[in-house]
Amino acid sequence: MEANLLRAFVAVAECEGFSAAGKILNRTQSAVSLQIKRLEDQVGESLFERTSRSVTLSAAGEHLLPYAQQMLRLQDEAMRVMGAGRQGELIRLGVSEEQASAYLPELLPEMARSHPDLRLEVICDISTVLVEQFRDGFLDVALAIRHAPTQTGHLLGREPMVWVAHEDQRLDAWDILPLALNPEGCIFRANAVAALGRQARLWDVRYTSRSPTGLNLAVQSGLAVTVKTPRSIPPGCRIVGPEEGLPDLGHVEIELHTAPAKISEAFQFFHNALIRIATGSETLDAFGETRVEVER
């Protein structure tokens, strides 16, 4: 069986759809369908049960899946041992700037020690963009804030959102609360605006930036209040306590998107290390039962 056909099969099985698998494999939906048809012709069985709403494994597909995963793993390992991947495997990681600052200082040295040939491309952006890039096949892993349920996102845990101000700033010095927030579409911004609206407090978005650096500068200068998770509080700033009158913001959910076709030993190590470091955060309420192990 051809490896590219098996990769397409594994991708469709784990994404539960041809369109999502195509985006991860950088192929059109019709191309993936054709690959599955070729594989079904080779094995003489239908591998999926298709309806207008779902794509699920047939009995034959369920039998084939663990063998396909093992064959791909062995092929990747053979290529590594024989030097076919001498340049080192490339992993494309999508992560927010604040998550990168929190997790990469521990993750990068660990990966350098265990897999010195591994190449890592880090793309930093807001979560909605990262999820879109993952769906379009431009990322192998995306660590994101959940905005809505997705087919590919696996819940790791949740973090509280907190109001953050300069350590010497008194909120009662402002008649109108100045805010520094991400652009429209950010869940932090949406929760802040909704919470303040329920409180009927006067507020104004004075500073807007996709970069946390732009927001941090406004807050560190005592010019505005922002919303963050506790691990991302910039130097010279503090959490605004409930006694200061600002409303509770609730939690955000952290999710991991992983390309199903990536099953090499190096990727498995990277994936599991990222989960361990992210869920080991003191502020992350980890949901152990939902952690995704790449061991196939």
C-alpha atoms as a PDB file:
ATOM      1  CA  MET A   1       0.000   0.000   0.000  1.00  0.00           C
ATOM      2  CA  GLU A   2       1.298   3.446  -0.893  1.00  0.00           C
ATOM      3  CA  ALA A   3       2.232   5.653   2.030  1.00  0.00           C
ATOM      4  CA  ASN A   4       0.460   8.708   0.605  1.00  0.00           C
ATOM      5  CA  LEU A   5      -2.788   6.725   0.397  1.00  0.00           C
ATOM      6  CA  LEU A   6      -2.408   5.559   3.982  1.00  0.00           C
ATOM      7  CA  ARG A   7      -1.732   9.122   5.151  1.00  0.00           C
ATOM      8  CA  ALA A   8      -4.900  10.284   3.429  1.00  0.00           C
ATOM      9  CA  PHE A   9      -6.830   7.435   5.047  1.00  0.00           C
ATOM     10  CA  VAL A  10      -5.515   8.259   8.548  1.00  0.00           C
ATOM     11  CA  ALA A  11      -6.255  11.960   8.050  1.00  0.00           C
ATOM     12  CA  VAL A  12      -9.861  11.347   6.963  1.00  0.00           C
ATOM     13  CA  ALA A  13     -10.398   8.884   9.812  1.00  0.00           C
ATOM     14  CA  GLU A  14      -9.155  11.277  12.471  1.00  0.00           C
ATOM     15  CA  CYS A  15     -10.694  14.448  11.014  1.00  0.00           C
ATOM     16  CA  GLU A  16     -13.964  12.619  10.324  1.00  0.00           C
ATOM     17  CA  GLY A  17     -14.253  14.344   6.990  1.00  0.00           C
ATOM     18  CA  PHE A  18     -12.660  14.734   3.568  1.00  0.00           C
ATOM     19  CA  SER A  19     -12.640  18.526   3.544  1.00  0.00           C
ATOM     20  CA  ALA A  20     -10.850  18.884   6.902  1.00  0.00           C
ATOM     21  CA  ALA A  21      -8.372  16.174   5.944  1.00  0.00           C
ATOM     22  CA  GLY A  22      -7.670  17.908   2.641  1.00  0.00           C
ATOM     23  CA  LYS A  23      -6.776  21.157   4.379  1.00  0.00           C
ATOM     24  CA  ILE A  24      -4.358  19.382   6.709  1.00  0.00           C
ATOM     25  CA  LEU A  25      -2.781  17.425   3.838  1.00  0.00           C
ATOM     26  CA  ASN A  26      -2.665  20.494   1.555  1.00  0.00           C
ATOM     27  CA  ARG A  27      -4.857  18.728  -1.010  1.00  0.00           C
ATOM     28  CA  THR A  28      -8.281  19.389  -2.427  1.00  0.00           C
ATOM     29  CA  GLN A  29     -11.246  17.436  -1.145  1.00  0.00           C
ATOM     30  CA  SER A  30     -11.600  15.696  -4.506  1.00  0.00           C
ATOM     31  CA  ALA A  31      -7.930  14.680  -4.455  1.00  0.00           C
ATOM     32  CA  VAL A  32      -8.337  13.113  -1.018  1.00  0.00           C
ATOM     33  CA  SER A  33     -11.514  11.325  -2.167  1.00  0.00           C
ATOM     34  CA  LEU A  34      -9.619   9.915  -5.133  1.00  0.00           C
ATOM     35  CA  GLN A  35      -6.823   8.658  -2.873  1.00  0.00           C
ATOM     36  CA  ILE A  36      -9.332   6.916  -0.607  1.00  0.00           C
ATOM     37  CA  LYS A  37     -10.997   5.364  -3.651  1.00  0.00           C
ATOM     38  CA  ARG A  38      -7.633   4.021  -4.845  1.00  0.00           C
ATOM     39  CA  LEU A  39      -6.934   2.544  -1.418  1.00  0.00           C
ATOM     40  CA  GLU A  40     -10.392   0.979  -1.270  1.00  0.00           C
ATOM     41  CA  ASP A  41      -9.769  -0.572  -4.684  1.00  0.00           C
ATOM     42  CA  GLN A  42      -6.505  -2.039  -3.407  1.00  0.00           C
ATOM     43  CA  VAL A  43      -8.001  -3.594  -0.266  1.00  0.00           C
ATOM     44  CA  GLY A  44     -11.268  -4.544  -1.927  1.00  0.00           C
ATOM     45  CA  GLU A  45     -13.358  -3.042   0.868  1.00  0.00           C
ATOM     46  CA  SER A  46     -15.194   0.174   1.589  1.00  0.00           C
ATOM     47  CA  LEU A  47     -13.273   1.972   4.349  1.00  0.00           C
ATOM     48  CA  PHE A  48     -15.832   4.636   5.300  1.00  0.00           C
ATOM     49  CA  GLU A  49     -19.548   4.932   5.864  1.00  0.00           C
ATOM     50  CA  ARG A  50     -20.604   8.210   4.225  1.00  0.00           C
ATOM     51  CA  THR A  51     -23.765  10.190   4.823  1.00  0.00           C
ATOM     52  CA  SER A  52     -24.662  13.793   4.050  1.00  0.00           C
ATOM     53  CA  ARG A  53     -23.712  14.721   7.612  1.00  0.00           C
ATOM     54  CA  SER A  54     -20.887  12.419   8.654  1.00  0.00           C
ATOM     55  CA  VAL A  55     -17.971  10.269   7.589  1.00  0.00           C
ATOM     56  CA  THR A  56     -17.232   7.319   9.877  1.00  0.00           C
ATOM     57  CA  LEU A  57     -15.025   4.257   9.596  1.00  0.00           C
ATOM     58  CA  SER A  58     -16.560   1.066   8.269  1.00  0.00           C
ATOM     59  CA  ALA A  59     -15.743  -2.250   9.917  1.00  0.00           C
ATOM     60  CA  ALA A  60     -12.938  -2.752   7.407  1.00  0.00           C
ATOM     61  CA  GLY A  61     -11.673   0.780   8.054  1.00  0.00           C
ATOM     62  CA  GLU A  62     -11.564   0.164  11.802  1.00  0.00           C
ATOM     63  CA  HIS A  63      -9.451  -2.924  11.210  1.00  0.00           C
ATOM     64  CA  LEU A  64      -7.073  -1.120   8.859  1.00  0.00           C
ATOM     65  CA  LEU A  65      -6.540   2.061  10.907  1.00  0.00           C
ATOM     66  CA  PRO A  66      -4.069   0.770  13.553  1.00  0.00           C
ATOM     67  CA  TYR A  67      -2.053  -1.021  10.854  1.00  0.00           C
ATOM     68  CA  ALA A  68      -1.950   2.108   8.709  1.00  0.00           C
ATOM     69  CA  GLN A  69      -0.739   4.181  11.655  1.00  0.00           C
ATOM     70  CA  GLN A  70       1.936   1.622  12.481  1.00  0.00           C
ATOM     71  CA  MET A  71       3.109   1.390   8.857  1.00  0.00           C
ATOM     72  CA  LEU A  72       3.441   5.181   8.622  1.00  0.00           C
ATOM     73  CA  ARG A  73       5.318   5.319  11.889  1.00  0.00           C
ATOM     74  CA  LEU A  74       7.740   2.650  10.729  1.00  0.00           C
ATOM     75  CA  GLN A  75       8.277   4.422   7.424  1.00  0.00           C
ATOM     76  CA  ASP A  76       9.030   7.712   9.163  1.00  0.00           C
ATOM     77  CA  GLU A  77      11.422   5.950  11.513  1.00  0.00           C
ATOM     78  CA  ALA A  78      13.171   4.179   8.640  1.00  0.00           C
ATOM     79  CA  MET A  79      13.626   7.474   6.796  1.00  0.00           C
ATOM     80  CA  ARG A  80      15.114   9.021   9.911  1.00  0.00           C
ATOM     81  CA  VAL A  81      17.508   6.120  10.536  1.00  0.00           C
ATOM     82  CA  MET A  82      18.627   5.918   6.902  1.00  0.00           C
ATOM     83  CA  GLY A  83      19.255   9.639   6.752  1.00  0.00           C
ATOM     84  CA  ALA A  84      16.504  10.499   4.281  1.00  0.00           C
ATOM     85  CA  GLY A  85      15.481  13.276   6.647  1.00  0.00           C
ATOM     86  CA  ARG A  86      19.022  14.516   7.254  1.00  0.00           C
ATOM     87  CA  GLN A  87      17.861  18.109   7.395  1.00  0.00           C
ATOM     88  CA  GLY A  88      15.631  17.229  10.313  1.00  0.00           C
ATOM     89  CA  GLU A  89      11.873  17.091  10.500  1.00  0.00           C
ATOM     90  CA  LEU A  90      10.075  20.429  10.271  1.00  0.00           C
ATOM     91  CA  ILE A  91       7.268  21.148  12.742  1.00  0.00           C
ATOM     92  CA  ARG A  92       5.156  24.248  12.200  1.00  0.00           C
ATOM     93  CA  LEU A  93       3.791  25.490  15.518  1.00  0.00           C
ATOM     94  CA  GLY A  94       1.094  28.142  15.804  1.00  0.00           C
ATOM     95  CA  VAL A  95       0.865  29.867  19.169  1.00  0.00           C
ATOM     96  CA  SER A  96       0.009  33.270  20.596  1.00  0.00           C
ATOM     97  CA  GLU A  97       2.876  35.573  21.562  1.00  0.00           C
ATOM     98  CA  GLU A  98       2.002  35.286  25.240  1.00  0.00           C
ATOM     99  CA  GLN A  99       1.838  31.488  25.117  1.00  0.00           C
ATOM    100  CA  ALA A 100       5.143  31.435  23.240  1.00  0.00           C
ATOM    101  CA  SER A 101       6.743  33.562  25.958  1.00  0.00           C
ATOM    102  CA  ALA A 102       5.314  31.298  28.667  1.00  0.00           C
ATOM    103  CA  TYR A 103       6.061  27.863  27.189  1.00  0.00           C
ATOM    104  CA  LEU A 104       8.906  28.038  24.640  1.00  0.00           C
ATOM    105  CA  PRO A 105      11.704  28.871  27.132  1.00  0.00           C
ATOM    106  CA  GLU A 106      11.165  25.406  28.613  1.00  0.00           C
ATOM    107  CA  LEU A 107      10.127  23.576  25.449  1.00  0.00           C
ATOM    108  CA  LEU A 108      12.947  24.661  23.113  1.00  0.00           C
ATOM    109  CA  PRO A 109      15.920  23.499  25.240  1.00  0.00           C
ATOM    110  CA  GLU A 110      14.168  20.193  25.899  1.00  0.00           C
ATOM    111  CA  MET A 111      13.641  19.602  22.184  1.00  0.00           C
ATOM    112  CA  ALA A 112      17.231  20.627  21.397  1.00  0.00           C
ATOM    113  CA  ARG A 113      18.527  18.030  23.845  1.00  0.00           C
ATOM    114  CA  SER A 114      16.279  15.183  22.733  1.00  0.00           C
ATOM    115  CA  HIS A 115      16.023  15.890  18.978  1.00  0.00           C
ATOM    116  CA  PRO A 116      18.827  18.246  17.925  1.00  0.00           C
ATOM    117  CA  ASP A 117      18.013  17.841  14.209  1.00  0.00           C
ATOM    118  CA  LEU A 118      14.409  18.950  14.617  1.00  0.00           C
ATOM    119  CA  ARG A 119      13.482  22.201  12.863  1.00  0.00           C
ATOM    120  CA  LEU A 120      10.769  24.321  14.445  1.00  0.00           C
ATOM    121  CA  GLU A 121       8.897  27.115  12.695  1.00  0.00           C
ATOM    122  CA  VAL A 122       6.921  29.236  15.181  1.00  0.00           C
ATOM    123  CA  ILE A 123       4.032  31.361  13.895  1.00  0.00           C
ATOM    124  CA  CYS A 124       2.557  33.816  16.414  1.00  0.00           C
ATOM    125  CA  ASP A 125      -0.903  35.299  15.921  1.00  0.00           C
ATOM    126  CA  ILE A 126      -4.309  35.538  17.574  1.00  0.00           C
ATOM    127  CA  SER A 127      -6.163  32.267  18.088  1.00  0.00           C
ATOM    128  CA  THR A 128      -8.807  32.686  15.379  1.00  0.00           C
ATOM    129  CA  VAL A 129      -6.097  33.214  12.762  1.00  0.00           C
ATOM    130  CA  LEU A 130      -4.055  30.257  14.034  1.00  0.00           C
ATOM    131  CA  VAL A 131      -7.042  27.885  13.830  1.00  0.00           C
ATOM    132  CA  GLU A 132      -7.767  29.076  10.291  1.00  0.00           C
ATOM    133  CA  GLN A 133      -4.124  28.539   9.294  1.00  0.00           C
ATOM    134  CA  PHE A 134      -4.231  25.048  10.800  1.00  0.00           C
ATOM    135  CA  ARG A 135      -7.398  24.178   8.882  1.00  0.00           C
ATOM    136  CA  ASP A 136      -5.765  25.425   5.685  1.00  0.00           C
ATOM    137  CA  GLY A 137      -2.778  23.131   6.216  1.00  0.00           C
ATOM    138  CA  PHE A 138      -0.178  25.780   7.084  1.00  0.00           C
ATOM    139  CA  LEU A 139       0.401  24.538  10.648  1.00  0.00           C
ATOM    140  CA  ASP A 140       1.115  21.105  12.122  1.00  0.00           C
ATOM    141  CA  VAL A 141       0.175  22.116  15.683  1.00  0.00           C
ATOM    142  CA  ALA A 142      -1.828  25.057  16.965  1.00  0.00           C
ATOM    143  CA  LEU A 143      -2.232  25.977  20.628  1.00  0.00           C
ATOM    144  CA  ALA A 144      -5.216  28.297  20.791  1.00  0.00           C
ATOM    145  CA  ILE A 145      -7.950  29.874  22.878  1.00  0.00           C
ATOM    146  CA  ARG A 146     -11.247  28.180  22.024  1.00  0.00           C
ATOM    147  CA  HIS A 147     -13.741  30.563  20.439  1.00  0.00           C
ATOM    148  CA  ALA A 148     -16.182  27.926  19.156  1.00  0.00           C
ATOM    149  CA  PRO A 149     -16.292  24.115  18.916  1.00  0.00           C
ATOM    150  CA  THR A 150     -14.179  22.664  16.098  1.00  0.00           C
ATOM    151  CA  GLN A 151     -13.594  19.219  14.618  1.00  0.00           C
ATOM    152  CA  THR A 152      -9.862  19.316  15.278  1.00  0.00           C
ATOM    153  CA  GLY A 153      -9.488  21.074  18.645  1.00  0.00           C
ATOM    154  CA  HIS A 154      -8.879  18.947  21.748  1.00  0.00           C
ATOM    155  CA  LEU A 155      -9.534  20.651  25.078  1.00  0.00           C
ATOM    156  CA  LEU A 156      -6.503  20.814  27.404  1.00  0.00           C
ATOM    157  CA  GLY A 157      -7.898  22.958  30.210  1.00  0.00           C
ATOM    158  CA  ARG A 158      -9.001  26.438  31.088  1.00  0.00           C
ATOM    159  CA  GLU A 159      -7.523  29.626  32.521  1.00  0.00           C
ATOM    160  CA  PRO A 160      -9.192  32.507  34.360  1.00  0.00           C
ATOM    161  CA  MET A 161      -9.355  35.901  32.716  1.00  0.00           C
ATOM    162  CA  VAL A 162      -8.334  38.777  34.964  1.00  0.00           C
ATOM    163  CA  TRP A 163      -8.302  42.559  34.805  1.00  0.00           C
ATOM    164  CA  VAL A 164      -4.770  43.976  34.777  1.00  0.00           C
ATOM    165  CA  ALA A 165      -3.601  47.503  35.639  1.00  0.00           C
ATOM    166  CA  HIS A 166      -0.361  49.272  36.522  1.00  0.00           C
ATOM    167  CA  GLU A 167       0.689  48.330  40.053  1.00  0.00           C
ATOM    168  CA  ASP A 168       0.266  51.922  41.289  1.00  0.00           C
ATOM    169  CA  GLN A 169      -2.884  52.770  39.346  1.00  0.00           C
ATOM    170  CA  ARG A 170      -6.109  53.488  41.249  1.00  0.00           C
ATOM    171  CA  LEU A 171      -9.229  52.734  39.214  1.00  0.00           C
ATOM    172  CA  ASP A 172     -11.298  55.383  40.977  1.00  0.00           C
ATOM    173  CA  ALA A 173      -9.022  58.007  39.396  1.00  0.00           C
ATOM    174  CA  TRP A 174     -10.901  57.415  36.106  1.00  0.00           C
ATOM    175  CA  ASP A 175     -14.462  58.572  35.493  1.00  0.00           C
ATOM    176  CA  ILE A 176     -14.448  56.546  32.268  1.00  0.00           C
ATOM    177  CA  LEU A 177     -12.490  53.290  32.386  1.00  0.00           C
ATOM    178  CA  PRO A 178      -9.845  53.304  29.595  1.00  0.00           C
ATOM    179  CA  LEU A 179      -9.268  49.902  28.003  1.00  0.00           C
ATOM    180  CA  ALA A 180      -6.425  48.384  25.986  1.00  0.00           C
ATOM    181  CA  LEU A 181      -7.794  45.377  24.065  1.00  0.00           C
ATOM    182  CA  ASN A 182      -7.278  43.133  21.084  1.00  0.00           C
ATOM    183  CA  PRO A 183      -9.298  43.877  17.923  1.00  0.00           C
ATOM    184  CA  GLU A 184     -12.893  42.737  17.378  1.00  0.00           C
ATOM    185  CA  GLY A 185     -13.193  38.956  17.270  1.00  0.00           C
ATOM    186  CA  CYS A 186     -11.027  38.349  20.346  1.00  0.00           C
ATOM    187  CA  ILE A 187     -12.758  36.446  23.144  1.00  0.00           C
ATOM    188  CA  PHE A 188     -10.930  38.521  25.793  1.00  0.00           C
ATOM    189  CA  ARG A 189     -12.346  41.700  24.295  1.00  0.00           C
ATOM    190  CA  ALA A 190     -15.830  40.212  23.928  1.00  0.00           C
ATOM    191  CA  ASN A 191     -15.938  39.059  27.566  1.00  0.00           C
ATOM    192  CA  ALA A 192     -14.633  42.390  28.858  1.00  0.00           C
ATOM    193  CA  VAL A 193     -17.194  44.422  26.918  1.00  0.00           C
ATOM    194  CA  ALA A 194     -20.048  42.083  27.864  1.00  0.00           C
ATOM    195  CA  ALA A 195     -19.100  42.098  31.556  1.00  0.00           C
ATOM    196  CA  LEU A 196     -18.835  45.887  31.688  1.00  0.00           C
ATOM    197  CA  GLY A 197     -22.120  46.203  29.816  1.00  0.00           C
ATOM    198  CA  ARG A 198     -23.912  44.138  32.438  1.00  0.00           C
ATOM    199  CA  GLN A 199     -22.451  46.396  35.115  1.00  0.00           C
ATOM    200  CA  ALA A 200     -23.470  49.575  33.269  1.00  0.00           C
ATOM    201  CA  ARG A 201     -20.011  51.044  33.850  1.00  0.00           C
ATOM    202  CA  LEU A 202     -18.663  53.796  31.602  1.00  0.00           C
ATOM    203  CA  TRP A 203     -15.722  52.594  29.544  1.00  0.00           C
ATOM    204  CA  ASP A 204     -13.845  53.393  26.356  1.00  0.00           C
ATOM    205  CA  VAL A 205     -11.432  51.343  24.223  1.00  0.00           C
ATOM    206  CA  ARG A 206      -8.491  53.735  23.978  1.00  0.00           C
ATOM    207  CA  TYR A 207      -5.830  51.348  22.660  1.00  0.00           C
ATOM    208  CA  THR A 208      -6.198  48.445  20.238  1.00  0.00           C
ATOM    209  CA  SER A 209      -3.438  46.055  19.145  1.00  0.00           C
ATOM    210  CA  ARG A 210      -3.096  42.478  17.915  1.00  0.00           C
ATOM    211  CA  SER A 211       0.271  42.343  19.669  1.00  0.00           C
ATOM    212  CA  PRO A 212       0.433  41.944  23.462  1.00  0.00           C
ATOM    213  CA  THR A 213       3.418  44.311  23.451  1.00  0.00           C
ATOM    214  CA  GLY A 214       1.217  47.149  22.211  1.00  0.00           C
ATOM    215  CA  LEU A 215      -1.348  46.482  24.937  1.00  0.00           C
ATOM    216  CA  ASN A 216       1.265  46.002  27.642  1.00  0.00           C
ATOM    217  CA  LEU A 217       2.892  49.358  26.960  1.00  0.00           C
ATOM    218  CA  ALA A 218      -0.391  51.200  27.490  1.00  0.00           C
ATOM    219  CA  VAL A 219      -1.060  49.366  30.756  1.00  0.00           C
ATOM    220  CA  GLN A 220       2.526  49.637  32.020  1.00  0.00           C
ATOM    221  CA  SER A 221       2.335  53.394  31.408  1.00  0.00           C
ATOM    222  CA  GLY A 222      -0.766  53.652  33.600  1.00  0.00           C
ATOM    223  CA  LEU A 223      -2.933  54.670  30.656  1.00  0.00           C
ATOM    224  CA  ALA A 224      -5.415  51.788  30.528  1.00  0.00           C
ATOM    225  CA  VAL A 225      -6.663  48.497  31.915  1.00  0.00           C
ATOM    226  CA  THR A 226      -6.539  45.261  29.933  1.00  0.00           C
ATOM    227  CA  VAL A 227      -7.621  41.621  30.197  1.00  0.00           C
ATOM    228  CA  LYS A 228      -5.156  38.727  30.434  1.00  0.00           C
ATOM    229  CA  THR A 229      -4.605  35.334  32.003  1.00  0.00           C
ATOM    230  CA  PRO A 230      -2.546  35.321  35.217  1.00  0.00           C
ATOM    231  CA  ARG A 231       0.537  33.840  33.521  1.00  0.00           C
ATOM    232  CA  SER A 232       0.712  36.804  31.117  1.00  0.00           C
ATOM    233  CA  ILE A 233       0.784  39.763  33.505  1.00  0.00           C
ATOM    234  CA  PRO A 234       3.565  42.122  32.358  1.00  0.00           C
ATOM    235  CA  PRO A 235       6.204  43.507  34.757  1.00  0.00           C
ATOM    236  CA  GLY A 236       5.056  46.433  36.838  1.00  0.00           C
ATOM    237  CA  CYS A 237       1.401  45.411  36.642  1.00  0.00           C
ATOM    238  CA  ARG A 238      -1.070  43.696  38.947  1.00  0.00           C
ATOM    239  CA  ILE A 239      -4.363  41.837  38.947  1.00  0.00           C
ATOM    240  CA  VAL A 240      -7.302  44.097  39.742  1.00  0.00           C
ATOM    241  CA  GLY A 241      -9.161  42.478  42.642  1.00  0.00           C
ATOM    242  CA  PRO A 242     -12.962  42.123  42.849  1.00  0.00           C
ATOM    243  CA  GLU A 243     -13.034  44.654  45.696  1.00  0.00           C
ATOM    244  CA  GLU A 244     -12.138  47.355  43.147  1.00  0.00           C
ATOM    245  CA  GLY A 245     -15.501  47.018  41.455  1.00  0.00           C
ATOM    246  CA  LEU A 246     -14.731  45.426  38.100  1.00  0.00           C
ATOM    247  CA  PRO A 247     -16.908  42.428  37.078  1.00  0.00           C
ATOM    248  CA  ASP A 248     -15.792  38.807  36.967  1.00  0.00           C
ATOM    249  CA  LEU A 249     -14.626  37.717  33.523  1.00  0.00           C
ATOM    250  CA  GLY A 250     -14.925  33.939  33.759  1.00  0.00           C
ATOM    251  CA  HIS A 251     -12.531  31.527  32.054  1.00  0.00           C
ATOM    252  CA  VAL A 252     -11.164  30.762  28.613  1.00  0.00           C
ATOM    253  CA  GLU A 253     -10.614  27.240  27.288  1.00  0.00           C
ATOM    254  CA  ILE A 254      -7.239  26.181  25.910  1.00  0.00           C
ATOM    255  CA  GLU A 255      -7.245  23.715  23.033  1.00  0.00           C
ATOM    256  CA  LEU A 256      -4.675  21.937  20.893  1.00  0.00           C
ATOM    257  CA  HIS A 257      -5.033  21.231  17.179  1.00  0.00           C
ATOM    258  CA  THR A 258      -2.802  18.456  15.841  1.00  0.00           C
ATOM    259  CA  ALA A 259      -2.324  17.269  12.249  1.00  0.00           C
ATOM    260  CA  PRO A 260      -3.220  13.549  12.262  1.00  0.00           C
ATOM    261  CA  ALA A 261      -0.720  12.689   9.518  1.00  0.00           C
ATOM    262  CA  LYS A 262       2.205  13.745  11.743  1.00  0.00           C
ATOM    263  CA  ILE A 263       3.053  10.589  13.691  1.00  0.00           C
ATOM    264  CA  SER A 264       6.859  10.425  13.733  1.00  0.00           C
ATOM    265  CA  GLU A 265       8.676   9.766  16.996  1.00  0.00           C
ATOM    266  CA  ALA A 266      10.110  13.307  17.042  1.00  0.00           C
ATOM    267  CA  PHE A 267       6.695  14.842  16.520  1.00  0.00           C
ATOM    268  CA  GLN A 268       5.186  12.612  19.193  1.00  0.00           C
ATOM    269  CA  PHE A 269       7.844  13.747  21.665  1.00  0.00           C
ATOM    270  CA  PHE A 270       7.314  17.401  20.764  1.00  0.00           C
ATOM    271  CA  HIS A 271       3.526  17.097  20.983  1.00  0.00           C
ATOM    272  CA  ASN A 272       3.554  15.402  24.381  1.00  0.00           C
ATOM    273  CA  ALA A 273       6.174  17.826  25.754  1.00  0.00           C
ATOM    274  CA  LEU A 274       4.045  20.792  24.650  1.00  0.00           C
ATOM    275  CA  ILE A 275       0.977  19.351  26.386  1.00  0.00           C
ATOM    276  CA  ARG A 276       2.934  18.621  29.559  1.00  0.00           C
ATOM    277  CA  ILE A 277       4.430  22.119  29.718  1.00  0.00           C
ATOM    278  CA  ALA A 278       1.153  23.880  28.865  1.00  0.00           C
ATOM    279  CA  THR A 279      -0.967  21.906  31.324  1.00  0.00           C
ATOM    280  CA  GLY A 280       1.745  22.153  33.976  1.00  0.00           C
ATOM    281  CA  SER A 281       1.150  25.891  34.223  1.00  0.00           C
ATOM    282  CA  GLU A 282       0.222  26.927  37.751  1.00  0.00           C
ATOM    283  CA  THR A 283      -2.754  28.863  36.428  1.00  0.00           C
ATOM    284  CA  LEU A 284      -4.099  26.244  34.030  1.00  0.00           C
ATOM    285  CA  ASP A 285      -6.979  24.128  35.282  1.00  0.00           C
ATOM    286  CA  ALA A 286      -6.008  21.044  33.276  1.00  0.00           C
ATOM    287  CA  PHE A 287      -8.564  18.513  32.129  1.00  0.00           C
ATOM    288  CA  GLY A 288      -6.471  15.353  32.270  1.00  0.00           C
ATOM    289  CA  GLU A 289      -9.112  13.159  30.683  1.00  0.00           C
ATOM    290  CA  THR A 290      -9.035  15.222  27.495  1.00  0.00           C
ATOM    291  CA  ARG A 291      -5.305  15.284  26.928  1.00  0.00           C
ATOM    292  CA  VAL A 292      -4.358  13.938  23.523  1.00  0.00           C
ATOM    293  CA  GLU A 293      -1.490  11.509  23.272  1.00  0.00           C
ATOM    294  CA  VAL A 294       0.000  11.072  19.821  1.00  0.00           C
ATOM    295  CA  GLU A 295       1.013   7.479  20.462  1.00  0.00           C
ATOM    296  CA  ARG A 296      -0.904   5.523  17.863  1.00  0.00           C
END
